[in-house]
Amino acid sequence: MLLFSYGTLQDRNVQIANFGRELTGREDVLPGYTRRLVSIGDSQYANAEASSNLEDSVSGMVFEITEQELAAADEYEEDAEYSRIFVTLRSGAQAWVYLKKTVA
């Protein structure tokens, strides 16, 4: 299965801590979304939000992971209240991505 990351899951140390290995991936783009910062605790983190401008997009990396690694990613993102959705990337690949619901 594929996981698209535009934030901390691209970090080697985060990958090793959560998956026990460094992931290899390729660049891809999430179309129809824009990247914004959200506050989580005392820190700011990236979030992809749906955009009304179809030309907006978020760049990131797509990684091939196992079901067990996806479960580990769910646990990692749970504390920050990110939800996982299935999307189609610019390349045509379908991947999971984590988004944080924001209050308008």
N, C-alpha and C. Protein backbone atom coordinates (compact mmCIF):
# COMPACT_ATOMS: atom_id res chain seq x y z
N MET A 1 0.83 -1.17 0.00
CA MET A 1 0.00 0.00 0.00
C MET A 1 0.88 1.24 0.00
N LEU A 2 0.29 2.36 -0.43
CA LEU A 2 1.06 3.60 -0.56
C LEU A 2 0.62 4.62 0.48
N LEU A 3 1.60 5.37 0.98
CA LEU A 3 1.36 6.45 1.93
C LEU A 3 2.00 7.71 1.38
N PHE A 4 1.21 8.79 1.26
CA PHE A 4 1.72 10.08 0.81
C PHE A 4 1.99 10.93 2.04
N SER A 5 3.19 11.48 2.12
CA SER A 5 3.57 12.34 3.24
C SER A 5 4.05 13.69 2.73
N TYR A 6 3.57 14.73 3.39
CA TYR A 6 4.00 16.10 3.10
C TYR A 6 4.62 16.73 4.33
N GLY A 7 4.81 15.94 5.39
CA GLY A 7 5.29 16.48 6.65
C GLY A 7 6.26 15.57 7.36
N THR A 8 6.02 15.37 8.67
CA THR A 8 7.00 14.72 9.54
C THR A 8 7.29 13.26 9.18
N LEU A 9 6.36 12.58 8.52
CA LEU A 9 6.64 11.18 8.16
C LEU A 9 7.70 11.05 7.06
N GLN A 10 8.16 12.19 6.53
CA GLN A 10 9.28 12.17 5.59
C GLN A 10 10.62 12.14 6.32
N ASP A 11 10.60 12.45 7.61
CA ASP A 11 11.81 12.55 8.41
C ASP A 11 12.36 11.16 8.75
N ARG A 12 13.62 10.94 8.46
CA ARG A 12 14.26 9.64 8.68
C ARG A 12 14.12 9.18 10.12
N ASN A 13 14.34 10.06 11.09
CA ASN A 13 14.26 9.67 12.50
C ASN A 13 12.84 9.29 12.89
N VAL A 14 11.84 9.97 12.36
CA VAL A 14 10.44 9.63 12.63
C VAL A 14 10.12 8.27 12.03
N GLN A 15 10.63 8.01 10.83
CA GLN A 15 10.40 6.72 10.17
C GLN A 15 11.01 5.58 10.99
N ILE A 16 12.23 5.74 11.40
CA ILE A 16 12.90 4.68 12.17
C ILE A 16 12.19 4.44 13.50
N ALA A 17 11.77 5.52 14.16
CA ALA A 17 11.08 5.39 15.44
C ALA A 17 9.73 4.69 15.30
N ASN A 18 9.05 4.91 14.19
CA ASN A 18 7.70 4.36 14.03
C ASN A 18 7.63 3.07 13.22
N PHE A 19 8.55 2.89 12.27
CA PHE A 19 8.50 1.74 11.38
C PHE A 19 9.68 0.79 11.54
N GLY A 20 10.69 1.23 12.28
CA GLY A 20 11.87 0.40 12.47
C GLY A 20 12.79 0.38 11.27
N ARG A 21 12.53 1.25 10.31
CA ARG A 21 13.37 1.31 9.11
C ARG A 21 13.19 2.68 8.44
N GLU A 22 14.15 3.02 7.59
CA GLU A 22 14.01 4.22 6.77
C GLU A 22 13.24 3.84 5.50
N LEU A 23 12.23 4.63 5.18
CA LEU A 23 11.42 4.36 3.99
C LEU A 23 12.09 4.94 2.75
N THR A 24 11.90 4.29 1.63
CA THR A 24 12.32 4.85 0.36
C THR A 24 11.06 5.23 -0.40
N GLY A 25 11.12 6.34 -1.09
CA GLY A 25 9.93 6.81 -1.78
C GLY A 25 10.28 7.61 -3.01
N ARG A 26 9.24 8.19 -3.57
CA ARG A 26 9.41 9.04 -4.74
C ARG A 26 8.54 10.27 -4.58
N GLU A 27 8.95 11.34 -5.24
CA GLU A 27 8.20 12.59 -5.18
C GLU A 27 6.87 12.44 -5.91
N ASP A 28 5.85 13.09 -5.37
CA ASP A 28 4.55 13.14 -6.01
C ASP A 28 3.83 14.38 -5.50
N VAL A 29 2.63 14.60 -5.98
CA VAL A 29 1.89 15.82 -5.66
C VAL A 29 0.44 15.45 -5.37
N LEU A 30 -0.13 16.10 -4.34
CA LEU A 30 -1.54 15.96 -4.00
C LEU A 30 -2.29 17.16 -4.59
N PRO A 31 -3.01 16.96 -5.71
CA PRO A 31 -3.69 18.08 -6.36
C PRO A 31 -4.98 18.47 -5.63
N GLY A 32 -5.34 19.77 -5.76
CA GLY A 32 -6.59 20.26 -5.18
C GLY A 32 -6.52 20.54 -3.70
N TYR A 33 -5.31 20.57 -3.15
CA TYR A 33 -5.09 20.85 -1.74
C TYR A 33 -4.06 21.97 -1.61
N THR A 34 -4.07 22.63 -0.46
CA THR A 34 -3.07 23.64 -0.15
C THR A 34 -2.45 23.30 1.19
N ARG A 35 -1.23 23.73 1.38
CA ARG A 35 -0.50 23.42 2.62
C ARG A 35 -0.61 24.60 3.58
N ARG A 36 -0.97 24.30 4.81
CA ARG A 36 -1.08 25.32 5.86
C ARG A 36 -0.43 24.77 7.13
N LEU A 37 -0.08 25.68 8.02
CA LEU A 37 0.44 25.27 9.32
C LEU A 37 -0.70 25.24 10.33
N VAL A 38 -0.69 24.25 11.20
CA VAL A 38 -1.66 24.15 12.28
C VAL A 38 -0.89 24.03 13.59
N SER A 39 -1.49 24.54 14.66
CA SER A 39 -0.89 24.45 15.99
C SER A 39 -1.28 23.15 16.65
N ILE A 40 -0.30 22.45 17.15
CA ILE A 40 -0.51 21.24 17.93
C ILE A 40 0.36 21.40 19.16
N GLY A 41 -0.27 21.60 20.30
CA GLY A 41 0.49 21.93 21.50
C GLY A 41 1.18 23.27 21.30
N ASP A 42 2.47 23.28 21.57
CA ASP A 42 3.25 24.51 21.42
C ASP A 42 3.97 24.60 20.08
N SER A 43 3.70 23.67 19.18
CA SER A 43 4.43 23.62 17.90
C SER A 43 3.50 23.82 16.72
N GLN A 44 4.11 24.11 15.57
CA GLN A 44 3.39 24.27 14.32
C GLN A 44 3.76 23.10 13.41
N TYR A 45 2.73 22.50 12.77
CA TYR A 45 2.95 21.38 11.87
C TYR A 45 2.22 21.61 10.56
N ALA A 46 2.68 20.94 9.52
CA ALA A 46 2.05 21.05 8.20
C ALA A 46 0.71 20.34 8.19
N ASN A 47 -0.22 20.89 7.42
CA ASN A 47 -1.50 20.25 7.17
C ASN A 47 -1.89 20.53 5.73
N ALA A 48 -2.47 19.55 5.08
CA ALA A 48 -3.01 19.74 3.74
C ALA A 48 -4.51 19.93 3.89
N GLU A 49 -5.01 21.01 3.29
CA GLU A 49 -6.44 21.32 3.35
C GLU A 49 -6.99 21.39 1.94
N ALA A 50 -8.20 20.85 1.76
CA ALA A 50 -8.85 20.92 0.45
C ALA A 50 -8.98 22.38 0.04
N SER A 51 -8.77 22.64 -1.24
CA SER A 51 -8.80 24.00 -1.77
C SER A 51 -9.88 24.13 -2.83
N SER A 52 -10.47 25.30 -2.92
CA SER A 52 -11.44 25.55 -3.99
C SER A 52 -10.74 25.86 -5.30
N ASN A 53 -9.42 26.11 -5.25
CA ASN A 53 -8.62 26.36 -6.44
C ASN A 53 -8.01 25.05 -6.91
N LEU A 54 -8.51 24.54 -8.02
CA LEU A 54 -8.04 23.24 -8.52
C LEU A 54 -6.57 23.24 -8.92
N GLU A 55 -5.97 24.42 -9.07
CA GLU A 55 -4.55 24.49 -9.42
C GLU A 55 -3.65 24.38 -8.20
N ASP A 56 -4.22 24.48 -6.99
CA ASP A 56 -3.42 24.31 -5.78
C ASP A 56 -2.96 22.86 -5.68
N SER A 57 -1.81 22.67 -5.04
CA SER A 57 -1.32 21.32 -4.84
C SER A 57 -0.31 21.32 -3.69
N VAL A 58 -0.09 20.14 -3.14
CA VAL A 58 0.86 19.94 -2.05
C VAL A 58 1.89 18.91 -2.51
N SER A 59 3.15 19.28 -2.46
CA SER A 59 4.24 18.37 -2.84
C SER A 59 4.63 17.51 -1.65
N GLY A 60 5.09 16.30 -1.94
CA GLY A 60 5.53 15.42 -0.88
C GLY A 60 6.16 14.17 -1.45
N MET A 61 6.18 13.14 -0.62
CA MET A 61 6.78 11.86 -1.00
C MET A 61 5.74 10.76 -0.83
N VAL A 62 5.78 9.79 -1.73
CA VAL A 62 4.91 8.62 -1.60
C VAL A 62 5.80 7.41 -1.30
N PHE A 63 5.39 6.68 -0.25
CA PHE A 63 6.16 5.55 0.24
C PHE A 63 5.33 4.27 0.14
N GLU A 64 6.00 3.16 -0.18
CA GLU A 64 5.33 1.87 -0.14
C GLU A 64 5.54 1.29 1.26
N ILE A 65 4.42 0.97 1.93
CA ILE A 65 4.50 0.48 3.30
C ILE A 65 3.62 -0.76 3.45
N THR A 66 3.80 -1.44 4.57
CA THR A 66 3.00 -2.62 4.88
C THR A 66 1.76 -2.22 5.69
N GLU A 67 0.84 -3.17 5.85
CA GLU A 67 -0.35 -2.91 6.69
C GLU A 67 0.07 -2.61 8.13
N GLN A 68 1.08 -3.30 8.63
CA GLN A 68 1.54 -3.06 9.99
C GLN A 68 2.13 -1.66 10.12
N GLU A 69 2.84 -1.22 9.09
CA GLU A 69 3.40 0.14 9.12
C GLU A 69 2.30 1.19 9.03
N LEU A 70 1.24 0.90 8.28
CA LEU A 70 0.11 1.83 8.22
C LEU A 70 -0.55 1.95 9.59
N ALA A 71 -0.68 0.83 10.29
CA ALA A 71 -1.22 0.86 11.66
C ALA A 71 -0.32 1.67 12.58
N ALA A 72 1.00 1.55 12.41
CA ALA A 72 1.94 2.34 13.21
C ALA A 72 1.81 3.83 12.88
N ALA A 73 1.59 4.15 11.61
CA ALA A 73 1.40 5.55 11.21
C ALA A 73 0.10 6.09 11.82
N ASP A 74 -0.94 5.26 11.86
CA ASP A 74 -2.20 5.67 12.50
C ASP A 74 -1.95 6.05 13.95
N GLU A 75 -1.21 5.22 14.66
CA GLU A 75 -0.89 5.51 16.07
C GLU A 75 -0.09 6.80 16.20
N TYR A 76 0.88 6.99 15.33
CA TYR A 76 1.72 8.20 15.36
C TYR A 76 0.86 9.45 15.15
N GLU A 77 -0.07 9.41 14.21
CA GLU A 77 -0.88 10.59 13.88
C GLU A 77 -2.07 10.79 14.82
N GLU A 78 -2.42 9.75 15.59
CA GLU A 78 -3.60 9.80 16.44
C GLU A 78 -3.54 10.91 17.49
N ASP A 79 -2.42 11.06 18.17
CA ASP A 79 -2.30 12.07 19.22
C ASP A 79 -2.49 13.48 18.68
N ALA A 80 -2.10 13.71 17.43
CA ALA A 80 -2.23 15.03 16.82
C ALA A 80 -3.60 15.20 16.16
N GLU A 81 -4.44 14.17 16.26
CA GLU A 81 -5.81 14.20 15.72
C GLU A 81 -5.85 14.37 14.19
N TYR A 82 -4.91 13.71 13.51
CA TYR A 82 -4.95 13.65 12.05
C TYR A 82 -5.80 12.43 11.67
N SER A 83 -6.54 12.55 10.58
CA SER A 83 -7.34 11.44 10.07
C SER A 83 -6.76 10.98 8.74
N ARG A 84 -6.91 9.70 8.46
CA ARG A 84 -6.36 9.13 7.23
C ARG A 84 -7.46 9.03 6.18
N ILE A 85 -7.17 9.53 4.95
CA ILE A 85 -8.10 9.40 3.84
C ILE A 85 -7.35 8.84 2.63
N PHE A 86 -8.10 8.31 1.67
CA PHE A 86 -7.54 7.73 0.45
C PHE A 86 -7.67 8.77 -0.66
N VAL A 87 -6.57 9.07 -1.36
CA VAL A 87 -6.56 10.12 -2.38
C VAL A 87 -5.89 9.60 -3.65
N THR A 88 -6.11 10.33 -4.73
CA THR A 88 -5.41 10.07 -5.99
C THR A 88 -4.39 11.18 -6.21
N LEU A 89 -3.15 10.80 -6.39
CA LEU A 89 -2.06 11.75 -6.58
C LEU A 89 -1.94 12.14 -8.04
N ARG A 90 -1.17 13.18 -8.31
CA ARG A 90 -1.00 13.66 -9.69
C ARG A 90 -0.50 12.55 -10.61
N SER A 91 0.34 11.66 -10.09
CA SER A 91 0.88 10.56 -10.90
C SER A 91 -0.19 9.54 -11.28
N GLY A 92 -1.35 9.62 -10.62
CA GLY A 92 -2.39 8.62 -10.82
C GLY A 92 -2.39 7.55 -9.73
N ALA A 93 -1.32 7.51 -8.93
CA ALA A 93 -1.24 6.55 -7.83
C ALA A 93 -2.30 6.89 -6.77
N GLN A 94 -2.84 5.86 -6.15
CA GLN A 94 -3.77 6.06 -5.06
C GLN A 94 -3.04 5.75 -3.76
N ALA A 95 -3.17 6.66 -2.79
CA ALA A 95 -2.40 6.54 -1.56
C ALA A 95 -3.21 7.05 -0.37
N TRP A 96 -2.81 6.61 0.81
CA TRP A 96 -3.34 7.15 2.05
C TRP A 96 -2.60 8.44 2.38
N VAL A 97 -3.30 9.39 3.00
CA VAL A 97 -2.69 10.63 3.47
C VAL A 97 -3.39 11.03 4.76
N TYR A 98 -2.65 11.70 5.63
CA TYR A 98 -3.21 12.17 6.90
C TYR A 98 -3.50 13.67 6.81
N LEU A 99 -4.72 14.03 7.23
CA LEU A 99 -5.15 15.44 7.25
C LEU A 99 -5.70 15.75 8.62
N LYS A 100 -5.48 16.96 9.07
CA LYS A 100 -6.05 17.40 10.33
C LYS A 100 -7.26 18.27 10.04
N LYS A 101 -8.38 17.92 10.65
CA LYS A 101 -9.57 18.75 10.49
C LYS A 101 -9.33 20.08 11.18
N THR A 102 -9.64 21.14 10.49
CA THR A 102 -9.44 22.47 11.05
C THR A 102 -10.79 23.15 11.22
N VAL A 103 -10.85 24.06 12.16
CA VAL A 103 -12.07 24.83 12.40
C VAL A 103 -11.94 26.14 11.65
N ALA A 104 -12.92 26.42 10.82
CA ALA A 104 -12.88 27.66 10.02
C ALA A 104 -13.20 28.87 10.86
